[in-house]
């Protein structure tokens, strides 16, 4: 039977409860879920149904072995559905993962789930996401202890923004420390957005757990008032081998003498791919220790490092200029909103000396005017036009560059490395849009341009639309561009007839982009001639592929459909 007889079980339960059986539910499960071998039952797929119908569907999972995951996010579920979730937990021998994120759960849910689990010795639940629900601390502790005793142990625990207290963390930590089985199974731990839980001595128990040799891959303690430098002793002892994702943003440093441990962790970690230390004041010595540690680490590559909003300013700029070129393992660097301003004159050349930097986020660092701003933007232009530049994406979002920023827009035309650019929030106005329209006609590498909050009027959008249509006349389909819809300035046109000229131009832009992604034939000589025209200064000869087969992603199709619906609405109005 398809999906191990889910439809038959569902029909029987509907009959037993005296409610109508929804054929669409049976069809979706037997056709869509089954054909895709999808074992995750997503309540969002049936959010249009009433609570009683959802409850019967969830109850069916208790007697079905097809589904191993139950998922619900950002959708409030009623008491009937919650009751059947608990029933399924108490009966199912196949349910492995439960996600009820921001589902409107009551505080006593963890205790009720603990009771349900105690009635089911055959349970195989190992992943639990109850984020964004206010939960009772003792109930959470009891629930974790029960989950940890199950056959597969606890692999994922997400208690982000659950009103967890420091006492709750003590109970949780004691449960995690009570057996080696827990340290050998837990891969993902998220306690973020619970202010104060790691601010005092109660955090010691959590540090003890992290100090044990464990297999954690994902650790998120952001917004917990954790003293970051005190944590790294534990991370060095227990988390060096497998930890890949580390988010400690929105916490603080105590300025204790822990720099050697801090540096040693970053020089010893084997698997790091993402480190977030943003939104806290990063001491100068700590920044130096971070870079020195990473520069001596032979194990990691293509690291995403987020040190945005860390108040680096001039002193931090000096460290960046001196040490960043040595840190070869960083592939993405976010230093936005750090008050670098005029110091960017010295920092930007350091990026050109970096061997592997692919993605750079610099926004909110341009609180300067006049000649200095012009010189900094010229440095950026020189950076992205270097033949050996490895940058693939650049963000200057929310930098308020205004008319000076058109220098950067104009440089996109001859740029041969950037694939993604974010120029939103710069008040570039129609002059910037015109420069963009010209750049798009000759650029052959850009794939994504974010253009929002730039005070662009209908005239500017029409310039971009004409440019993209001109591209089609040249049948250049090797350029795959996704221009994010500037919703901030399009929104008023949806409600005011006086600005009805907005939607048609945006509609033309999206249609042009959609058509540019169709498989087309174009002249290889024409493409080669265009490319040679951009690099005549180096006499570079590049063989251009005769075509590419590109299609829109599902996200792009959804955006386009939404845009078309808005356009039709405006036309009919």
Protein backbone atom coordinates (compact mmCIF):
# COMPACT_ATOMS: atom_id res chain seq x y z
CA UNK A 1 0.00 0.00 0.00
CA UNK A 2 1.21 3.57 -0.71
CA UNK A 3 2.72 5.25 2.35
CA UNK A 4 2.26 2.07 4.36
CA UNK A 5 -1.52 2.40 4.34
CA UNK A 6 -1.75 5.90 5.81
CA UNK A 7 -4.86 6.73 3.77
CA UNK A 8 -6.70 3.65 4.97
CA UNK A 9 -5.80 4.40 8.60
CA UNK A 10 -6.86 8.01 8.17
CA UNK A 11 -10.20 6.99 6.61
CA UNK A 12 -10.89 4.55 9.43
CA UNK A 13 -10.19 7.18 12.11
CA UNK A 14 -12.42 9.70 10.32
CA UNK A 15 -15.23 7.15 10.28
CA UNK A 16 -14.64 6.30 13.96
CA UNK A 17 -14.80 9.98 14.95
CA UNK A 18 -17.76 10.74 12.72
CA UNK A 19 -16.08 13.37 10.55
CA UNK A 20 -15.74 13.59 6.80
CA UNK A 21 -12.67 12.06 5.20
CA UNK A 22 -10.73 14.63 3.16
CA UNK A 23 -9.83 13.11 -0.21
CA UNK A 24 -7.20 15.79 -0.77
CA UNK A 25 -5.31 14.52 2.28
CA UNK A 26 -5.31 10.97 0.95
CA UNK A 27 -4.30 12.13 -2.52
CA UNK A 28 -1.46 14.31 -1.22
CA UNK A 29 -0.02 11.53 0.92
CA UNK A 30 -0.46 8.71 -1.62
CA UNK A 31 0.72 10.77 -4.60
CA UNK A 32 3.02 13.60 -3.55
CA UNK A 33 4.53 12.32 -0.32
CA UNK A 34 4.84 8.75 -1.58
CA UNK A 35 6.30 9.59 -4.99
CA UNK A 36 8.94 11.81 -3.39
CA UNK A 37 9.66 9.30 -0.63
CA UNK A 38 8.90 12.13 1.80
CA UNK A 39 8.76 10.88 5.38
CA UNK A 40 8.10 14.28 6.96
CA UNK A 41 4.44 15.08 7.66
CA UNK A 42 4.19 18.85 7.36
CA UNK A 43 1.12 20.39 8.98
CA UNK A 44 1.69 23.55 6.94
CA UNK A 45 0.61 21.61 3.85
CA UNK A 46 -2.85 21.38 5.41
CA UNK A 47 -3.02 24.70 7.26
CA UNK A 48 -6.26 25.56 5.47
CA UNK A 49 -8.11 22.75 7.26
CA UNK A 50 -9.82 23.10 10.62
CA UNK A 51 -8.22 21.90 13.84
CA UNK A 52 -10.36 18.77 14.06
CA UNK A 53 -9.23 17.58 10.62
CA UNK A 54 -5.60 18.19 11.54
CA UNK A 55 -6.02 16.25 14.77
CA UNK A 56 -7.22 13.13 12.93
CA UNK A 57 -4.29 13.33 10.50
CA UNK A 58 -1.81 13.52 13.36
CA UNK A 59 -3.56 10.66 15.15
CA UNK A 60 -3.12 8.51 12.04
CA UNK A 61 0.64 8.77 12.42
CA UNK A 62 0.42 6.80 15.67
CA UNK A 63 -0.55 3.69 13.70
CA UNK A 64 1.56 4.25 10.59
CA UNK A 65 5.24 3.52 9.98
CA UNK A 66 5.73 5.64 6.84
CA UNK A 67 6.22 9.01 8.52
CA UNK A 68 9.27 9.49 10.74
CA UNK A 69 8.99 13.27 11.17
CA UNK A 70 6.22 15.65 12.25
CA UNK A 71 6.79 19.30 11.35
CA UNK A 72 4.94 22.50 12.25
CA UNK A 73 6.48 25.98 12.25
CA UNK A 74 4.91 29.42 12.68
CA UNK A 75 1.41 27.98 12.87
CA UNK A 76 -0.62 27.87 16.06
CA UNK A 77 -2.13 24.47 16.71
CA UNK A 78 -5.20 23.97 18.87
CA UNK A 79 -5.63 21.78 21.92
CA UNK A 80 -7.17 18.99 19.81
CA UNK A 81 -4.06 18.77 17.67
CA UNK A 82 -1.71 18.96 20.67
CA UNK A 83 -3.63 16.12 22.31
CA UNK A 84 -3.12 13.93 19.25
CA UNK A 85 0.56 14.85 19.03
CA UNK A 86 0.95 13.53 22.57
CA UNK A 87 -1.06 10.44 21.65
CA UNK A 88 1.22 9.77 18.69
CA UNK A 89 4.31 10.22 20.88
CA UNK A 90 2.92 7.65 23.32
CA UNK A 91 2.18 5.07 20.59
CA UNK A 92 4.47 5.51 17.59
CA UNK A 93 7.49 3.28 17.05
CA UNK A 94 8.62 5.18 13.95
CA UNK A 95 8.46 8.89 14.89
CA UNK A 96 12.06 10.14 15.12
CA UNK A 97 11.86 13.93 14.80
CA UNK A 98 9.33 16.35 16.26
CA UNK A 99 9.32 20.05 15.30
CA UNK A 100 6.71 22.30 16.89
CA UNK A 101 8.40 25.69 16.48
CA UNK A 102 6.34 28.77 17.32
CA UNK A 103 3.25 26.58 17.46
CA UNK A 104 1.52 28.26 20.41
CA UNK A 105 2.26 25.45 22.86
CA UNK A 106 1.33 25.93 26.51
CA UNK A 107 3.99 25.86 29.21
CA UNK A 108 2.96 22.40 30.46
CA UNK A 109 3.58 20.71 27.09
CA UNK A 110 7.07 19.36 27.98
CA UNK A 111 5.77 17.66 31.12
CA UNK A 112 2.85 16.14 29.21
CA UNK A 113 5.21 14.93 26.50
CA UNK A 114 7.50 13.43 29.14
CA UNK A 115 4.53 11.49 30.50
CA UNK A 116 3.61 10.32 26.99
CA UNK A 117 7.16 9.16 26.31
CA UNK A 118 7.27 7.22 29.57
CA UNK A 119 4.35 5.15 28.25
CA UNK A 120 6.18 4.22 25.05
CA UNK A 121 9.32 2.11 25.55
CA UNK A 122 9.49 1.57 21.77
CA UNK A 123 9.83 5.27 20.98
CA UNK A 124 12.72 6.23 18.69
CA UNK A 125 12.47 10.03 19.00
CA UNK A 126 15.91 11.61 18.85
CA UNK A 127 15.30 15.18 17.59
CA UNK A 128 13.21 17.75 19.42
CA UNK A 129 12.53 21.34 18.33
CA UNK A 130 10.21 23.30 20.63
CA UNK A 131 11.67 26.74 19.88
CA UNK A 132 9.66 29.96 20.30
CA UNK A 133 7.19 28.49 22.79
CA UNK A 134 7.07 29.54 26.48
CA UNK A 135 7.85 26.31 28.34
CA UNK A 136 8.06 25.17 31.95
CA UNK A 137 11.68 24.61 32.99
CA UNK A 138 11.16 21.52 35.13
CA UNK A 139 9.05 19.92 32.45
CA UNK A 140 11.81 20.52 29.92
CA UNK A 141 14.34 18.87 32.23
CA UNK A 142 12.13 15.82 32.76
CA UNK A 143 11.50 15.55 29.03
CA UNK A 144 15.21 15.70 28.16
CA UNK A 145 16.05 12.99 30.67
CA UNK A 146 13.47 10.69 29.10
CA UNK A 147 14.55 11.40 25.52
CA UNK A 148 18.18 10.76 26.43
CA UNK A 149 17.27 7.29 27.70
CA UNK A 150 15.67 6.24 24.43
CA UNK A 151 17.27 3.88 21.93
CA UNK A 152 18.90 6.52 19.72
CA UNK A 153 19.68 9.07 22.41
CA UNK A 154 19.24 12.78 21.85
CA UNK A 155 20.65 14.13 18.58
CA UNK A 156 18.98 17.53 18.19
CA UNK A 157 17.62 19.86 20.86
CA UNK A 158 16.30 23.32 20.01
CA UNK A 159 14.98 25.34 22.94
CA UNK A 160 15.55 28.78 21.42
CA UNK A 161 13.34 31.49 22.92
CA UNK A 162 11.44 29.19 25.27
CA UNK A 163 11.64 31.33 28.43
CA UNK A 164 14.28 28.98 29.77
CA UNK A 165 15.82 30.21 33.03
CA UNK A 166 19.27 29.72 34.53
CA UNK A 167 17.81 27.12 36.91
CA UNK A 168 16.33 25.34 33.92
CA UNK A 169 19.76 25.25 32.29
CA UNK A 170 21.19 23.71 35.48
CA UNK A 171 18.64 20.89 35.32
CA UNK A 172 19.19 20.46 31.59
CA UNK A 173 22.98 20.39 31.98
CA UNK A 174 22.80 17.86 34.79
CA UNK A 175 20.65 15.63 32.60
CA UNK A 176 23.13 15.90 29.72
CA UNK A 177 26.09 15.20 32.02
CA UNK A 178 24.50 12.21 33.72
CA UNK A 179 25.61 9.67 31.10
CA UNK A 180 28.26 9.29 28.42
CA UNK A 181 25.49 8.26 26.04
CA UNK A 182 24.35 11.86 25.75
CA UNK A 183 27.78 13.22 24.86
CA UNK A 184 28.04 10.53 22.20
CA UNK A 185 24.72 11.35 20.53
CA UNK A 186 23.93 15.10 20.75
CA UNK A 187 24.83 16.82 17.46
CA UNK A 188 22.75 20.02 17.53
CA UNK A 189 22.14 22.23 20.58
CA UNK A 190 20.34 25.58 20.37
CA UNK A 191 19.61 27.54 23.55
CA UNK A 192 19.65 30.97 21.90
CA UNK A 193 17.42 33.96 22.69
CA UNK A 194 16.99 33.02 26.34
CA UNK A 195 18.48 36.09 28.10
CA UNK A 196 20.37 35.52 31.33
CA UNK A 197 20.52 31.73 31.30
CA UNK A 198 24.33 31.65 31.08
CA UNK A 199 25.15 34.88 32.91
CA UNK A 200 26.15 33.56 36.33
CA UNK A 201 27.55 30.57 38.16
CA UNK A 202 24.62 28.47 36.98
CA UNK A 203 26.38 28.29 33.61
CA UNK A 204 29.11 26.12 35.14
CA UNK A 205 27.12 22.93 34.62
CA UNK A 206 26.68 23.68 30.91
CA UNK A 207 30.41 24.34 30.61
CA UNK A 208 31.07 20.97 32.26
CA UNK A 209 28.97 19.24 29.61
CA UNK A 210 30.70 21.09 26.77
CA UNK A 211 34.10 20.24 28.27
CA UNK A 212 33.40 16.52 28.00
CA UNK A 213 34.52 14.95 24.75
CA UNK A 214 31.39 15.19 22.63
CA UNK A 215 30.18 15.07 19.03
CA UNK A 216 28.45 18.48 18.85
CA UNK A 217 28.31 19.84 15.30
CA UNK A 218 25.98 22.83 15.80
CA UNK A 219 26.06 25.06 18.90
CA UNK A 220 24.00 28.25 19.21
CA UNK A 221 24.25 30.18 22.49
CA UNK A 222 23.52 33.62 21.03
CA UNK A 223 21.61 36.07 23.21
CA UNK A 224 22.10 34.08 26.43
CA UNK A 225 24.34 36.61 28.25
CA UNK A 226 27.13 34.09 28.11
CA UNK A 227 30.63 35.29 29.05
CA UNK A 228 32.22 34.26 25.78
CA UNK A 229 35.88 34.06 26.77
CA UNK A 230 35.01 31.86 29.77
CA UNK A 231 33.33 29.40 27.43
CA UNK A 232 36.33 28.66 25.25
CA UNK A 233 38.13 26.57 27.84
CA UNK A 234 35.25 24.11 27.68
CA UNK A 235 35.07 24.27 23.89
CA UNK A 236 38.80 23.58 23.62
CA UNK A 237 38.55 20.46 25.76
CA UNK A 238 35.38 18.95 24.35
CA UNK A 239 34.36 20.45 21.00
CA UNK A 240 37.44 20.74 18.79
CA UNK A 241 36.87 17.59 16.76
CA UNK A 242 33.39 17.95 15.27
CA UNK A 243 32.03 21.45 15.95
CA UNK A 244 31.13 23.09 12.63
CA UNK A 245 28.65 25.88 13.46
CA UNK A 246 29.29 28.20 16.43
CA UNK A 247 27.04 31.19 17.16
CA UNK A 248 27.92 33.29 20.21
CA UNK A 249 26.53 36.63 19.01
CA UNK A 250 24.85 39.16 21.30
CA UNK A 251 26.86 38.13 24.35
CA UNK A 252 29.87 39.74 26.04
CA UNK A 253 33.55 39.38 26.88
CA UNK A 254 34.76 39.63 30.48
CA UNK A 255 38.31 40.74 29.57
CA UNK A 256 39.81 37.98 31.69
CA UNK A 257 43.18 36.46 30.93
CA UNK A 258 41.79 33.79 28.63
CA UNK A 259 43.34 34.87 25.34
CA UNK A 260 45.72 31.87 25.07
CA UNK A 261 42.79 29.46 25.35
CA UNK A 262 40.73 31.53 22.90
CA UNK A 263 43.56 31.51 20.37
CA UNK A 264 44.31 27.83 20.90
CA UNK A 265 40.72 26.82 20.17
CA UNK A 266 40.72 28.57 16.81
CA UNK A 267 44.08 27.07 15.92
CA UNK A 268 42.98 23.55 16.92
CA UNK A 269 39.37 23.22 15.69
CA UNK A 270 39.12 20.60 12.95
CA UNK A 271 35.70 21.20 11.41
CA UNK A 272 34.64 24.85 11.78
CA UNK A 273 32.68 26.28 8.84
CA UNK A 274 30.66 29.09 10.49
CA UNK A 275 31.61 31.36 13.41
CA UNK A 276 29.37 34.23 14.54
CA UNK A 277 30.75 36.69 17.11
CA UNK A 278 28.61 39.63 15.99
CA UNK A 279 26.75 42.29 17.97
CA UNK A 280 29.12 42.55 20.92
CA UNK A 281 32.15 44.68 21.71
CA UNK A 282 35.14 42.67 20.55
CA UNK A 283 38.32 43.66 22.45
CA UNK A 284 41.31 44.42 20.28
CA UNK A 285 43.46 41.68 21.80
CA UNK A 286 40.65 39.19 21.26
CA UNK A 287 40.38 40.09 17.58
CA UNK A 288 44.14 39.67 17.25
CA UNK A 289 44.02 36.29 19.02
CA UNK A 290 41.18 35.20 16.73
CA UNK A 291 43.13 35.97 13.55
CA UNK A 292 46.39 34.52 14.86
CA UNK A 293 44.63 31.33 15.88
CA UNK A 294 42.89 30.92 12.54
CA UNK A 295 46.05 31.73 10.59
CA UNK A 296 47.84 28.80 12.22
CA UNK A 297 44.98 26.33 11.73
CA UNK A 298 45.81 23.81 8.97
CA UNK A 299 42.51 21.94 9.20
CA UNK A 300 39.72 24.29 8.12
CA UNK A 301 38.90 26.03 4.84
CA UNK A 302 36.19 28.35 3.50
CA UNK A 303 35.18 29.60 6.95
CA UNK A 304 32.25 32.03 7.32
CA UNK A 305 33.28 34.60 9.93
CA UNK A 306 30.72 37.14 11.14
CA UNK A 307 32.18 39.93 13.27
CA UNK A 308 29.63 42.59 12.30
CA UNK A 309 28.51 45.23 14.83
CA UNK A 310 31.57 44.61 17.04
CA UNK A 311 32.67 48.25 17.41
CA UNK A 312 36.03 47.61 15.74
CA UNK A 313 36.59 51.19 14.56
CA UNK A 314 40.13 52.47 13.87
CA UNK A 315 41.94 50.08 16.20
CA UNK A 316 40.18 47.08 14.71
CA UNK A 317 40.89 48.38 11.23
CA UNK A 318 44.59 48.28 12.06
CA UNK A 319 44.35 44.62 13.09
CA UNK A 320 42.42 43.78 9.92
CA UNK A 321 45.01 45.51 7.79
CA UNK A 322 47.90 43.73 9.51
CA UNK A 323 46.62 40.20 10.09
CA UNK A 324 43.69 39.43 7.80
CA UNK A 325 45.80 38.65 4.69
CA UNK A 326 47.43 35.81 6.67
CA UNK A 327 44.14 34.08 7.52
CA UNK A 328 43.81 31.94 4.41
CA UNK A 329 40.99 29.78 5.78
CA UNK A 330 38.33 32.55 5.66
CA UNK A 331 36.02 32.41 2.65
CA UNK A 332 33.29 34.78 3.90
CA UNK A 333 33.88 37.86 6.04
CA UNK A 334 31.13 40.04 7.50
CA UNK A 335 32.51 43.25 9.04
CA UNK A 336 29.47 45.43 8.42
CA UNK A 337 28.44 48.12 10.93
CA UNK A 338 31.83 48.50 12.62
CA UNK A 339 32.47 52.24 12.28
CA UNK A 340 35.41 51.65 9.96
CA UNK A 341 34.54 54.66 7.78
CA UNK A 342 37.72 56.45 6.64
CA UNK A 343 39.90 53.57 7.85
CA UNK A 344 38.58 51.50 4.94
CA UNK A 345 41.27 53.21 2.86
CA UNK A 346 43.81 50.96 4.56
CA UNK A 347 41.60 47.93 5.06
CA UNK A 348 40.42 47.38 1.47
CA UNK A 349 43.93 46.72 0.08
CA UNK A 350 44.25 43.95 2.68
CA UNK A 351 41.37 42.12 0.99
CA UNK A 352 43.21 42.12 -2.33
CA UNK A 353 46.10 40.31 -0.64
CA UNK A 354 43.83 37.57 0.68
CA UNK A 355 44.08 34.33 -1.30
CA UNK A 356 40.64 32.82 -0.75
CA UNK A 357 38.11 35.52 0.22
CA UNK A 358 34.93 34.88 -1.81
CA UNK A 359 32.22 36.83 0.01
CA UNK A 360 32.61 40.24 1.65
CA UNK A 361 30.00 42.24 3.57
CA UNK A 362 30.99 45.87 4.17
CA UNK A 363 27.69 47.71 4.70
CA UNK A 364 27.13 50.47 7.26
CA UNK A 365 30.81 51.47 7.30
CA UNK A 366 30.63 54.57 5.10
CA UNK A 367 29.74 57.39 7.46
CA UNK A 368 31.98 59.78 5.52
CA UNK A 369 31.58 62.27 2.72
CA UNK A 370 33.45 64.03 -0.03
CA UNK A 371 36.92 63.15 -1.23
CA UNK A 372 37.59 60.37 1.30
CA UNK A 373 34.42 58.50 0.32
CA UNK A 374 35.35 58.85 -3.35
CA UNK A 375 38.82 57.43 -2.67
CA UNK A 376 37.39 54.48 -0.74
CA UNK A 377 34.96 53.63 -3.52
CA UNK A 378 37.80 53.85 -6.04
CA UNK A 379 39.74 51.36 -3.89
CA UNK A 380 36.73 49.04 -4.00
CA UNK A 381 36.52 49.39 -7.78
CA UNK A 382 40.20 48.53 -8.06
CA UNK A 383 39.68 45.52 -5.79
CA UNK A 384 36.89 43.94 -7.84
CA UNK A 385 38.60 44.69 -11.15
CA UNK A 386 41.85 42.96 -10.29
CA UNK A 387 42.44 39.99 -12.57
CA UNK A 388 43.22 37.67 -9.65
CA UNK A 389 40.32 38.85 -7.47
CA UNK A 390 38.53 35.84 -5.95
CA UNK A 391 35.49 37.77 -4.70
CA UNK A 392 32.15 36.31 -5.81
CA UNK A 393 29.80 38.49 -3.78
CA UNK A 394 29.93 41.98 -2.29
CA UNK A 395 27.44 43.68 0.01
CA UNK A 396 27.39 47.44 0.55
CA UNK A 397 23.86 47.40 1.97
CA UNK A 398 22.58 50.32 4.03
CA UNK A 399 25.69 52.43 3.48
CA UNK A 400 23.87 55.57 2.26
CA UNK A 401 26.34 56.12 -0.56
CA UNK A 402 23.94 58.31 -2.54
CA UNK A 403 25.27 59.75 -5.80
CA UNK A 404 28.85 58.76 -4.96
CA UNK A 405 27.79 55.12 -5.15
CA UNK A 406 27.21 55.29 -8.89
CA UNK A 407 30.98 54.83 -9.30
CA UNK A 408 30.59 51.33 -7.91
CA UNK A 409 27.50 50.62 -10.00
CA UNK A 410 29.26 51.74 -13.15
CA UNK A 411 32.19 49.43 -12.39
CA UNK A 412 29.89 46.40 -12.50
CA UNK A 413 29.81 46.60 -16.28
CA UNK A 414 33.41 45.56 -16.75
CA UNK A 415 33.62 43.38 -13.66
CA UNK A 416 34.41 39.75 -14.35
CA UNK A 417 34.40 38.17 -10.89
CA UNK A 418 31.33 39.23 -8.89
CA UNK A 419 28.28 37.01 -9.17
CA UNK A 420 26.19 38.64 -6.45
CA UNK A 421 25.91 42.29 -5.36
CA UNK A 422 23.76 43.89 -2.66
CA UNK A 423 23.39 47.65 -3.16
CA UNK A 424 20.18 48.13 -1.19
CA UNK A 425 19.71 51.05 1.18
CA UNK A 426 22.03 53.47 -0.62
CA UNK A 427 19.62 56.09 -2.05
CA UNK A 428 21.18 55.69 -5.49
CA UNK A 429 18.00 57.05 -7.10
CA UNK A 430 17.32 57.04 -10.84
CA UNK A 431 20.90 57.94 -11.75
CA UNK A 432 22.07 54.74 -10.09
CA UNK A 433 19.35 52.72 -11.82
CA UNK A 434 20.45 54.11 -15.19
CA UNK A 435 24.06 53.13 -14.46
CA UNK A 436 22.83 49.69 -13.43
CA UNK A 437 20.89 49.30 -16.67
CA UNK A 438 24.03 50.03 -18.68
CA UNK A 439 26.17 47.72 -16.58
CA UNK A 440 23.73 44.83 -16.99
CA UNK A 441 23.98 45.03 -20.77
CA UNK A 442 27.69 44.24 -20.82
CA UNK A 443 28.28 42.25 -17.63
CA UNK A 444 28.49 38.49 -18.17
CA UNK A 445 29.01 37.18 -14.64
CA UNK A 446 26.38 38.72 -12.34
CA UNK A 447 23.70 36.32 -11.13
CA UNK A 448 22.00 38.32 -8.37
CA UNK A 449 21.50 42.02 -7.75
CA UNK A 450 19.68 43.30 -4.67
CA UNK A 451 18.28 46.78 -5.29
CA UNK A 452 15.94 48.06 -2.60
CA UNK A 453 15.50 51.29 -0.62
CA UNK A 454 17.28 53.29 -3.31
CA UNK A 455 14.59 55.95 -3.94
CA UNK A 456 14.16 54.64 -7.46
CA UNK A 457 11.15 55.99 -9.35
CA UNK A 458 9.23 54.54 -12.27
CA UNK A 459 11.75 56.11 -14.64
CA UNK A 460 14.62 54.21 -13.07
CA UNK A 461 12.78 50.90 -13.18
CA UNK A 462 11.88 51.47 -16.82
CA UNK A 463 15.57 51.99 -17.63
CA UNK A 464 16.40 48.63 -16.08
CA UNK A 465 13.48 46.96 -17.87
CA UNK A 466 14.59 48.32 -21.26
CA UNK A 467 18.14 47.17 -20.59
CA UNK A 468 17.03 43.62 -19.88
CA UNK A 469 14.80 43.57 -22.94
CA UNK A 470 17.76 44.81 -24.97
CA UNK A 471 19.68 41.83 -23.65
CA UNK A 472 17.01 39.57 -25.11
CA UNK A 473 17.37 41.25 -28.50
CA UNK A 474 21.03 40.25 -28.40
CA UNK A 475 19.96 36.73 -27.33
CA UNK A 476 22.55 36.60 -24.59
CA UNK A 477 21.22 33.82 -22.40
CA UNK A 478 24.44 32.93 -20.64
CA UNK A 479 23.74 35.77 -18.25
CA UNK A 480 21.50 34.50 -15.47
CA UNK A 481 20.36 37.44 -13.38
CA UNK A 482 17.97 37.46 -10.45
CA UNK A 483 17.08 41.05 -9.55
CA UNK A 484 15.40 41.05 -6.16
CA UNK A 485 12.14 42.97 -6.33
CA UNK A 486 12.49 46.40 -4.64
CA UNK A 487 9.38 45.92 -2.54
CA UNK A 488 10.02 48.98 -0.38
CA UNK A 489 9.38 51.32 -3.28
CA UNK A 490 6.97 49.19 -5.27
CA UNK A 491 4.51 48.77 -2.40
CA UNK A 492 2.99 52.28 -2.64
CA UNK A 493 2.18 51.71 -6.30
CA UNK A 494 -0.07 48.81 -5.39
CA UNK A 495 -2.46 51.15 -3.62
CA UNK A 496 -2.18 54.54 -5.34
CA UNK A 497 -3.38 54.93 -8.89
CA UNK A 498 -1.15 57.98 -9.35
CA UNK A 499 1.90 55.71 -9.34
CA UNK A 500 0.42 52.96 -11.50
CA UNK A 501 3.51 53.12 -13.73
CA UNK A 502 5.52 51.11 -11.19
CA UNK A 503 4.07 47.61 -11.59
CA UNK A 504 4.39 47.42 -15.42
CA UNK A 505 8.12 48.22 -15.29
CA UNK A 506 8.71 45.76 -12.46
CA UNK A 507 6.60 43.23 -14.35
CA UNK A 508 8.75 43.76 -17.46
CA UNK A 509 11.93 43.31 -15.43
CA UNK A 510 10.76 40.02 -13.94
CA UNK A 511 9.50 38.72 -17.27
CA UNK A 512 12.81 39.61 -18.91
CA UNK A 513 14.71 37.79 -16.19
CA UNK A 514 12.45 34.79 -16.52
CA UNK A 515 12.94 34.68 -20.29
CA UNK A 516 16.70 35.14 -19.91
CA UNK A 517 16.75 31.85 -18.07
CA UNK A 518 15.19 29.90 -20.89
CA UNK A 519 17.44 27.70 -22.98
CA UNK A 520 18.32 29.79 -26.03
CA UNK A 521 20.79 29.73 -28.88
CA UNK A 522 23.06 32.69 -29.32
CA UNK A 523 26.10 33.56 -31.35
CA UNK A 524 29.32 32.29 -29.85
CA UNK A 525 31.19 34.96 -31.80
CA UNK A 526 28.96 37.64 -30.34
CA UNK A 527 29.57 36.47 -26.78
CA UNK A 528 33.30 36.19 -27.38
CA UNK A 529 33.36 39.66 -28.92
CA UNK A 530 31.56 41.08 -25.90
CA UNK A 531 33.98 39.43 -23.51
CA UNK A 532 37.03 40.55 -25.47
CA UNK A 533 35.71 44.09 -25.48
CA UNK A 534 35.83 44.09 -21.69
CA UNK A 535 39.40 42.77 -21.40
CA UNK A 536 41.24 44.36 -24.33
CA UNK A 537 43.71 45.91 -21.91
CA UNK A 538 45.12 42.49 -21.14
CA UNK A 539 44.59 40.95 -24.57
CA UNK A 540 42.91 38.06 -22.79
CA UNK A 541 41.29 35.45 -25.01
CA UNK A 542 38.61 33.37 -23.38
CA UNK A 543 36.62 30.54 -24.85
CA UNK A 544 32.94 31.14 -24.17
CA UNK A 545 30.64 28.19 -23.85
CA UNK A 546 27.95 28.18 -26.52
CA UNK A 547 25.12 28.11 -24.03
CA UNK A 548 23.88 27.05 -20.66
CA UNK A 549 20.74 25.34 -19.52
CA UNK A 550 19.37 27.32 -16.62
CA UNK A 551 15.95 27.28 -15.04
CA UNK A 552 14.29 29.36 -12.37
CA UNK A 553 14.41 28.12 -8.81
CA UNK A 554 11.17 27.47 -6.97
CA UNK A 555 11.72 30.61 -4.88
CA UNK A 556 12.09 32.76 -7.98
CA UNK A 557 8.92 31.31 -9.52
CA UNK A 558 7.00 32.09 -6.33
CA UNK A 559 8.24 35.68 -6.33
CA UNK A 560 7.33 36.10 -9.99
CA UNK A 561 3.85 34.66 -9.48
CA UNK A 562 3.24 36.97 -6.53
CA UNK A 563 4.38 39.92 -8.61
CA UNK A 564 2.10 38.97 -11.50
CA UNK A 565 -0.86 38.72 -9.15
CA UNK A 566 -0.14 42.22 -7.79
CA UNK A 567 0.18 43.57 -11.31
CA UNK A 568 -3.16 42.10 -12.36
CA UNK A 569 -4.76 43.58 -9.26
CA UNK A 570 -3.45 47.05 -10.11
CA UNK A 571 -4.59 46.80 -13.73
CA UNK A 572 -8.12 45.80 -12.74
CA UNK A 573 -8.25 48.60 -10.17
